[in-house]
Amino acid sequence: MRMIAEFEKTGRMSWFSHLDLQSTMQRALRRAGLPVRYSQGFNPHVNLAFATALSVGCQSLCEIMDVELQQEVAPERFVDDLNPCLPDGLKVRRAGLVEDSAPALMALMQEARYTVCVPGVDLRANVEAFLRAPSVLMEKRSKTKTRQVDIRQMVHALDCAFDGEASTLDMILEQNNANALKPDLLLGALAPGQPCRAVRTGFYAKGKDGGRVGLFEAGLGQK
């Protein structure tokens, strides 16, 4: 069996790297005494995977992990036993059991949603211009190379509100095995050099009717 769990990563934990998160969650799972499955070899570790990495400094209300189990455990017990073992800023919101044969989260994920606050600037006109553009080329850097990508087609929804002090952007970005757009690259097109605060608020898979369905629900087979 496997346990799909959705958790928050907020506050100081937003500055933990993906490797830090992995080691923290490994320790918490062991401390909670849950019947998790371990890898083989000289340095056994809990078999778990995350839907995708989160940029350092970005908070999230919807991170999802997939934990292999040696035996079945009630989702409610999993949540209740694990949360007291987690540091402030990490909190499991819900969990659900799936069979080992269920698809991996990365195979199902198609989109990620973010709320981004940009203080001191009205970005409504910039957003309108971006949405009208047939293409927007930006430089995307990896560890080994830099290439130009058209990010316009990877922005599936974008809205902006301005309250007189800050712009709040609601965006749904492509996030799958083939393409992944991070909000900082989009902000580089809309408001280069502006400070911002980003929160990941949702993951989506494709439902049976072709519409959006939450990745947590899709992972449990609830399409």
C-alpha atoms as a PDB file:
ATOM      1  CA  MET A   1       0.000   0.000   0.000  1.00  0.00           C
ATOM      2  CA  ARG A   2       0.926   3.665  -0.410  1.00  0.00           C
ATOM      3  CA  MET A   3      -0.221   6.765   1.435  1.00  0.00           C
ATOM      4  CA  ILE A   4      -0.864   9.975  -0.489  1.00  0.00           C
ATOM      5  CA  ALA A   5      -0.571  12.941   1.894  1.00  0.00           C
ATOM      6  CA  GLU A   6      -1.127  16.669   1.312  1.00  0.00           C
ATOM      7  CA  PHE A   7       0.813  19.066   3.559  1.00  0.00           C
ATOM      8  CA  GLU A   8       1.634  22.728   4.101  1.00  0.00           C
ATOM      9  CA  LYS A   9       5.168  24.163   3.861  1.00  0.00           C
ATOM     10  CA  THR A  10       5.075  27.672   5.323  1.00  0.00           C
ATOM     11  CA  GLY A  11       6.998  30.127   7.483  1.00  0.00           C
ATOM     12  CA  ARG A  12      10.665  29.341   8.038  1.00  0.00           C
ATOM     13  CA  MET A  13      10.224  25.968   6.349  1.00  0.00           C
ATOM     14  CA  SER A  14       9.790  27.787   3.029  1.00  0.00           C
ATOM     15  CA  TRP A  15      13.555  28.425   3.162  1.00  0.00           C
ATOM     16  CA  PHE A  16      14.353  24.722   3.456  1.00  0.00           C
ATOM     17  CA  SER A  17      15.619  23.189   0.226  1.00  0.00           C
ATOM     18  CA  HIS A  18      14.043  20.114  -1.307  1.00  0.00           C
ATOM     19  CA  LEU A  19      16.843  17.959   0.136  1.00  0.00           C
ATOM     20  CA  ASP A  20      16.235  19.483   3.583  1.00  0.00           C
ATOM     21  CA  LEU A  21      12.533  18.688   3.242  1.00  0.00           C
ATOM     22  CA  GLN A  22      13.267  15.096   2.271  1.00  0.00           C
ATOM     23  CA  SER A  23      15.523  14.491   5.278  1.00  0.00           C
ATOM     24  CA  THR A  24      13.108  16.256   7.665  1.00  0.00           C
ATOM     25  CA  MET A  25      10.162  14.195   6.472  1.00  0.00           C
ATOM     26  CA  GLN A  26      12.216  10.987   6.655  1.00  0.00           C
ATOM     27  CA  ARG A  27      13.082  11.658  10.297  1.00  0.00           C
ATOM     28  CA  ALA A  28       9.496  12.586  11.179  1.00  0.00           C
ATOM     29  CA  LEU A  29       8.091   9.420   9.616  1.00  0.00           C
ATOM     30  CA  ARG A  30      10.551   7.280  11.568  1.00  0.00           C
ATOM     31  CA  ARG A  31       9.858   9.163  14.796  1.00  0.00           C
ATOM     32  CA  ALA A  32       6.097   8.735  14.355  1.00  0.00           C
ATOM     33  CA  GLY A  33       6.516   4.946  14.312  1.00  0.00           C
ATOM     34  CA  LEU A  34       4.367   4.526  11.222  1.00  0.00           C
ATOM     35  CA  PRO A  35       4.641   1.227   9.270  1.00  0.00           C
ATOM     36  CA  VAL A  36       6.597   2.722   6.359  1.00  0.00           C
ATOM     37  CA  ARG A  37       8.574   0.699   3.846  1.00  0.00           C
ATOM     38  CA  TYR A  38      12.357   1.116   3.718  1.00  0.00           C
ATOM     39  CA  SER A  39      14.817   0.773   0.868  1.00  0.00           C
ATOM     40  CA  GLN A  40      17.370  -2.023   0.818  1.00  0.00           C
ATOM     41  CA  GLY A  41      21.128  -1.672   1.210  1.00  0.00           C
ATOM     42  CA  PHE A  42      23.668  -0.263   3.672  1.00  0.00           C
ATOM     43  CA  ASN A  43      21.807   3.025   4.211  1.00  0.00           C
ATOM     44  CA  PRO A  44      18.083   2.210   4.265  1.00  0.00           C
ATOM     45  CA  HIS A  45      15.670   5.125   4.018  1.00  0.00           C
ATOM     46  CA  VAL A  46      11.914   5.568   3.871  1.00  0.00           C
ATOM     47  CA  ASN A  47      10.541   5.081   0.361  1.00  0.00           C
ATOM     48  CA  LEU A  48       8.753   8.342  -0.356  1.00  0.00           C
ATOM     49  CA  ALA A  49       8.394  10.720  -3.280  1.00  0.00           C
ATOM     50  CA  PHE A  50       7.112  14.259  -3.702  1.00  0.00           C
ATOM     51  CA  ALA A  51       4.928  15.554  -6.515  1.00  0.00           C
ATOM     52  CA  THR A  52       7.592  18.128  -7.430  1.00  0.00           C
ATOM     53  CA  ALA A  53      10.161  20.379  -5.787  1.00  0.00           C
ATOM     54  CA  LEU A  54       9.207  23.818  -4.444  1.00  0.00           C
ATOM     55  CA  SER A  55      11.418  26.849  -5.067  1.00  0.00           C
ATOM     56  CA  VAL A  56      13.291  28.032  -1.969  1.00  0.00           C
ATOM     57  CA  GLY A  57      11.418  30.953  -0.404  1.00  0.00           C
ATOM     58  CA  CYS A  58       8.055  29.971  -1.868  1.00  0.00           C
ATOM     59  CA  GLN A  59       5.391  28.828   0.584  1.00  0.00           C
ATOM     60  CA  SER A  60       2.805  26.166  -0.189  1.00  0.00           C
ATOM     61  CA  LEU A  61      -0.570  24.996   1.064  1.00  0.00           C
ATOM     62  CA  CYS A  62      -0.749  21.945  -1.183  1.00  0.00           C
ATOM     63  CA  GLU A  63       2.496  19.936  -1.276  1.00  0.00           C
ATOM     64  CA  ILE A  64       1.892  16.235  -1.841  1.00  0.00           C
ATOM     65  CA  MET A  65       4.012  13.226  -0.946  1.00  0.00           C
ATOM     66  CA  ASP A  66       3.661   9.529  -1.683  1.00  0.00           C
ATOM     67  CA  VAL A  67       4.823   7.181   1.094  1.00  0.00           C
ATOM     68  CA  GLU A  68       5.195   3.415   0.695  1.00  0.00           C
ATOM     69  CA  LEU A  69       3.790   1.326   3.558  1.00  0.00           C
ATOM     70  CA  GLN A  70       4.637  -2.128   4.867  1.00  0.00           C
ATOM     71  CA  GLN A  71       1.072  -2.557   6.059  1.00  0.00           C
ATOM     72  CA  GLU A  72      -2.184  -0.652   5.862  1.00  0.00           C
ATOM     73  CA  VAL A  73      -2.789   2.179   8.316  1.00  0.00           C
ATOM     74  CA  ALA A  74      -5.829   4.442   8.616  1.00  0.00           C
ATOM     75  CA  PRO A  75      -5.285   7.843   6.964  1.00  0.00           C
ATOM     76  CA  GLU A  76      -6.553   9.580  10.114  1.00  0.00           C
ATOM     77  CA  ARG A  77      -3.943   7.793  12.234  1.00  0.00           C
ATOM     78  CA  PHE A  78      -1.232   8.646   9.696  1.00  0.00           C
ATOM     79  CA  VAL A  79      -2.079  12.373   9.997  1.00  0.00           C
ATOM     80  CA  ASP A  80      -2.517  12.345  13.793  1.00  0.00           C
ATOM     81  CA  ASP A  81       0.733  10.447  14.422  1.00  0.00           C
ATOM     82  CA  LEU A  82       2.898  12.365  11.945  1.00  0.00           C
ATOM     83  CA  ASN A  83       1.925  15.987  12.685  1.00  0.00           C
ATOM     84  CA  PRO A  84       3.315  16.083  16.276  1.00  0.00           C
ATOM     85  CA  CYS A  85       6.676  14.921  14.873  1.00  0.00           C
ATOM     86  CA  LEU A  86       6.917  17.722  12.299  1.00  0.00           C
ATOM     87  CA  PRO A  87       8.565  21.123  12.912  1.00  0.00           C
ATOM     88  CA  ASP A  88       6.604  24.376  12.793  1.00  0.00           C
ATOM     89  CA  GLY A  89       5.836  25.205   9.174  1.00  0.00           C
ATOM     90  CA  LEU A  90       5.107  21.632   8.118  1.00  0.00           C
ATOM     91  CA  LYS A  91       1.597  20.279   8.671  1.00  0.00           C
ATOM     92  CA  VAL A  92      -0.201  17.355   7.023  1.00  0.00           C
ATOM     93  CA  ARG A  93      -3.707  18.397   6.019  1.00  0.00           C
ATOM     94  CA  ARG A  94      -5.161  15.112   4.769  1.00  0.00           C
ATOM     95  CA  ALA A  95      -4.138  11.652   3.560  1.00  0.00           C
ATOM     96  CA  GLY A  96      -5.530   8.698   1.640  1.00  0.00           C
ATOM     97  CA  LEU A  97      -4.565   5.099   0.817  1.00  0.00           C
ATOM     98  CA  VAL A  98      -3.862   3.797  -2.689  1.00  0.00           C
ATOM     99  CA  GLU A  99      -2.663   0.480  -4.076  1.00  0.00           C
ATOM    100  CA  ASP A 100       0.964   0.042  -5.102  1.00  0.00           C
ATOM    101  CA  SER A 101      -0.215  -0.163  -8.723  1.00  0.00           C
ATOM    102  CA  ALA A 102      -1.752   3.352  -8.650  1.00  0.00           C
ATOM    103  CA  PRO A 103      -0.091   5.898 -11.002  1.00  0.00           C
ATOM    104  CA  ALA A 104       2.746   8.041  -9.658  1.00  0.00           C
ATOM    105  CA  LEU A 105       1.867  11.638  -8.829  1.00  0.00           C
ATOM    106  CA  MET A 106       4.336  13.032 -11.397  1.00  0.00           C
ATOM    107  CA  ALA A 107       2.624  11.013 -14.122  1.00  0.00           C
ATOM    108  CA  LEU A 108      -0.730  12.619 -13.277  1.00  0.00           C
ATOM    109  CA  MET A 109       0.288  16.231 -12.602  1.00  0.00           C
ATOM    110  CA  GLN A 110      -0.425  18.797 -15.318  1.00  0.00           C
ATOM    111  CA  GLU A 111      -0.673  22.229 -13.651  1.00  0.00           C
ATOM    112  CA  ALA A 112       0.239  24.195 -10.515  1.00  0.00           C
ATOM    113  CA  ARG A 113      -1.557  27.216  -9.093  1.00  0.00           C
ATOM    114  CA  TYR A 114       0.100  30.141  -7.313  1.00  0.00           C
ATOM    115  CA  THR A 115      -0.930  33.344  -5.566  1.00  0.00           C
ATOM    116  CA  VAL A 116       1.779  35.996  -5.865  1.00  0.00           C
ATOM    117  CA  CYS A 117       1.766  39.361  -4.096  1.00  0.00           C
ATOM    118  CA  VAL A 118       3.868  42.139  -5.680  1.00  0.00           C
ATOM    119  CA  PRO A 119       3.891  45.247  -3.443  1.00  0.00           C
ATOM    120  CA  GLY A 120       4.090  48.835  -4.658  1.00  0.00           C
ATOM    121  CA  VAL A 121       3.114  48.323  -8.308  1.00  0.00           C
ATOM    122  CA  ASP A 122      -0.054  48.002 -10.395  1.00  0.00           C
ATOM    123  CA  LEU A 123       0.445  45.117 -12.835  1.00  0.00           C
ATOM    124  CA  ARG A 124      -3.012  45.010 -14.403  1.00  0.00           C
ATOM    125  CA  ALA A 125      -1.889  46.594 -17.691  1.00  0.00           C
ATOM    126  CA  ASN A 126       1.185  44.315 -17.835  1.00  0.00           C
ATOM    127  CA  VAL A 127      -1.005  41.251 -17.364  1.00  0.00           C
ATOM    128  CA  GLU A 128      -3.431  42.370 -20.072  1.00  0.00           C
ATOM    129  CA  ALA A 129      -0.546  42.932 -22.497  1.00  0.00           C
ATOM    130  CA  PHE A 130       0.915  39.523 -21.648  1.00  0.00           C
ATOM    131  CA  LEU A 131      -2.395  37.762 -22.263  1.00  0.00           C
ATOM    132  CA  ARG A 132      -2.786  39.508 -25.649  1.00  0.00           C
ATOM    133  CA  ALA A 133       0.692  38.504 -26.816  1.00  0.00           C
ATOM    134  CA  PRO A 134       0.873  35.457 -29.110  1.00  0.00           C
ATOM    135  CA  SER A 135       4.254  34.526 -27.626  1.00  0.00           C
ATOM    136  CA  VAL A 136       6.587  35.710 -24.857  1.00  0.00           C
ATOM    137  CA  LEU A 137      10.196  34.538 -25.039  1.00  0.00           C
ATOM    138  CA  MET A 138      12.207  34.308 -21.828  1.00  0.00           C
ATOM    139  CA  GLU A 139      15.592  32.830 -20.943  1.00  0.00           C
ATOM    140  CA  LYS A 140      15.265  29.673 -18.868  1.00  0.00           C
ATOM    141  CA  ARG A 141      18.412  28.612 -17.025  1.00  0.00           C
ATOM    142  CA  SER A 142      19.291  25.115 -15.886  1.00  0.00           C
ATOM    143  CA  LYS A 143      22.439  23.789 -14.234  1.00  0.00           C
ATOM    144  CA  THR A 144      24.044  23.075 -17.604  1.00  0.00           C
ATOM    145  CA  LYS A 145      22.592  25.529 -20.137  1.00  0.00           C
ATOM    146  CA  THR A 146      20.427  28.554 -20.900  1.00  0.00           C
ATOM    147  CA  ARG A 147      17.744  28.476 -23.563  1.00  0.00           C
ATOM    148  CA  GLN A 148      14.897  30.625 -24.771  1.00  0.00           C
ATOM    149  CA  VAL A 149      11.387  29.323 -24.158  1.00  0.00           C
ATOM    150  CA  ASP A 150       7.957  30.639 -25.077  1.00  0.00           C
ATOM    151  CA  ILE A 151       6.286  30.933 -21.687  1.00  0.00           C
ATOM    152  CA  ARG A 152       2.999  32.319 -23.063  1.00  0.00           C
ATOM    153  CA  GLN A 153       1.677  28.866 -23.918  1.00  0.00           C
ATOM    154  CA  MET A 154       2.605  27.569 -20.457  1.00  0.00           C
ATOM    155  CA  VAL A 155       0.405  30.121 -18.677  1.00  0.00           C
ATOM    156  CA  HIS A 156      -3.035  28.501 -18.593  1.00  0.00           C
ATOM    157  CA  ALA A 157      -4.749  31.179 -16.489  1.00  0.00           C
ATOM    158  CA  LEU A 158      -3.674  34.588 -15.177  1.00  0.00           C
ATOM    159  CA  ASP A 159      -5.582  37.258 -13.267  1.00  0.00           C
ATOM    160  CA  CYS A 160      -4.477  40.416 -11.461  1.00  0.00           C
ATOM    161  CA  ALA A 161      -6.110  42.509  -8.734  1.00  0.00           C
ATOM    162  CA  PHE A 162      -4.724  45.803  -7.364  1.00  0.00           C
ATOM    163  CA  ASP A 163      -5.806  47.219  -3.985  1.00  0.00           C
ATOM    164  CA  GLY A 164      -3.899  50.503  -4.197  1.00  0.00           C
ATOM    165  CA  GLU A 165      -0.826  49.104  -2.438  1.00  0.00           C
ATOM    166  CA  ALA A 166      -0.001  45.784  -4.051  1.00  0.00           C
ATOM    167  CA  SER A 167      -0.882  43.588  -7.023  1.00  0.00           C
ATOM    168  CA  THR A 168      -2.115  40.070  -6.324  1.00  0.00           C
ATOM    169  CA  LEU A 169      -1.660  37.606  -9.160  1.00  0.00           C
ATOM    170  CA  ASP A 170      -3.584  34.346  -9.433  1.00  0.00           C
ATOM    171  CA  MET A 171      -1.882  32.057 -11.953  1.00  0.00           C
ATOM    172  CA  ILE A 172      -2.195  28.499 -13.208  1.00  0.00           C
ATOM    173  CA  LEU A 173       1.037  27.328 -14.825  1.00  0.00           C
ATOM    174  CA  GLU A 174       2.011  24.240 -16.782  1.00  0.00           C
ATOM    175  CA  GLN A 175       3.658  21.644 -14.539  1.00  0.00           C
ATOM    176  CA  ASN A 176       4.332  18.201 -15.970  1.00  0.00           C
ATOM    177  CA  ASN A 177       7.152  15.910 -17.043  1.00  0.00           C
ATOM    178  CA  ALA A 178       7.618  17.762 -20.349  1.00  0.00           C
ATOM    179  CA  ASN A 179       7.350  21.403 -19.225  1.00  0.00           C
ATOM    180  CA  ALA A 180       7.356  23.238 -15.904  1.00  0.00           C
ATOM    181  CA  LEU A 181       6.994  27.005 -15.564  1.00  0.00           C
ATOM    182  CA  LYS A 182       7.961  28.613 -12.252  1.00  0.00           C
ATOM    183  CA  PRO A 183       6.282  31.838 -11.143  1.00  0.00           C
ATOM    184  CA  ASP A 184       9.589  33.720 -10.927  1.00  0.00           C
ATOM    185  CA  LEU A 185      10.108  33.316 -14.683  1.00  0.00           C
ATOM    186  CA  LEU A 186       6.631  34.701 -15.361  1.00  0.00           C
ATOM    187  CA  LEU A 187       7.308  37.570 -12.931  1.00  0.00           C
ATOM    188  CA  GLY A 188      10.456  38.281 -14.909  1.00  0.00           C
ATOM    189  CA  ALA A 189       8.206  39.092 -17.865  1.00  0.00           C
ATOM    190  CA  LEU A 190       5.551  40.985 -15.910  1.00  0.00           C
ATOM    191  CA  ALA A 191       7.574  42.853 -13.258  1.00  0.00           C
ATOM    192  CA  PRO A 192      11.333  42.356 -13.670  1.00  0.00           C
ATOM    193  CA  GLY A 193      13.305  43.109 -10.527  1.00  0.00           C
ATOM    194  CA  GLN A 194      10.248  43.567  -8.305  1.00  0.00           C
ATOM    195  CA  PRO A 195      10.182  41.761  -4.919  1.00  0.00           C
ATOM    196  CA  CYS A 196       7.285  39.375  -4.457  1.00  0.00           C
ATOM    197  CA  ARG A 197       5.792  36.754  -2.124  1.00  0.00           C
ATOM    198  CA  ALA A 198       4.570  33.525  -3.690  1.00  0.00           C
ATOM    199  CA  VAL A 199       2.356  30.768  -2.316  1.00  0.00           C
ATOM    200  CA  ARG A 200       1.598  27.540  -4.169  1.00  0.00           C
ATOM    201  CA  THR A 201      -2.092  26.878  -3.648  1.00  0.00           C
ATOM    202  CA  GLY A 202      -2.972  23.913  -5.863  1.00  0.00           C
ATOM    203  CA  PHE A 203      -1.925  21.056  -8.117  1.00  0.00           C
ATOM    204  CA  TYR A 204      -4.126  19.788 -10.929  1.00  0.00           C
ATOM    205  CA  ALA A 205      -4.414  16.671 -13.044  1.00  0.00           C
ATOM    206  CA  LYS A 206      -6.643  16.084 -16.057  1.00  0.00           C
ATOM    207  CA  GLY A 207     -10.039  14.608 -15.250  1.00  0.00           C
ATOM    208  CA  LYS A 208     -11.927  12.038 -17.298  1.00  0.00           C
ATOM    209  CA  ASP A 209     -13.918  14.831 -18.953  1.00  0.00           C
ATOM    210  CA  GLY A 210     -10.728  16.734 -19.825  1.00  0.00           C
ATOM    211  CA  GLY A 211     -11.268  19.352 -17.119  1.00  0.00           C
ATOM    212  CA  ARG A 212      -9.170  20.109 -14.053  1.00  0.00           C
ATOM    213  CA  VAL A 213      -9.230  17.893 -11.001  1.00  0.00           C
ATOM    214  CA  GLY A 214      -7.142  18.269  -7.849  1.00  0.00           C
ATOM    215  CA  LEU A 215      -3.971  16.171  -7.899  1.00  0.00           C
ATOM    216  CA  PHE A 216      -4.723  14.753  -4.439  1.00  0.00           C
ATOM    217  CA  GLU A 217      -8.131  13.530  -5.644  1.00  0.00           C
ATOM    218  CA  ALA A 218      -6.628  12.221  -8.879  1.00  0.00           C
ATOM    219  CA  GLY A 219      -3.942  10.361  -6.941  1.00  0.00           C
ATOM    220  CA  LEU A 220      -6.687   8.593  -5.013  1.00  0.00           C
ATOM    221  CA  GLY A 221      -8.466   7.708  -8.246  1.00  0.00           C
ATOM    222  CA  GLN A 222     -11.270  10.252  -7.647  1.00  0.00           C
ATOM    223  CA  LYS A 223     -11.441  11.716 -11.160  1.00  0.00           C
END
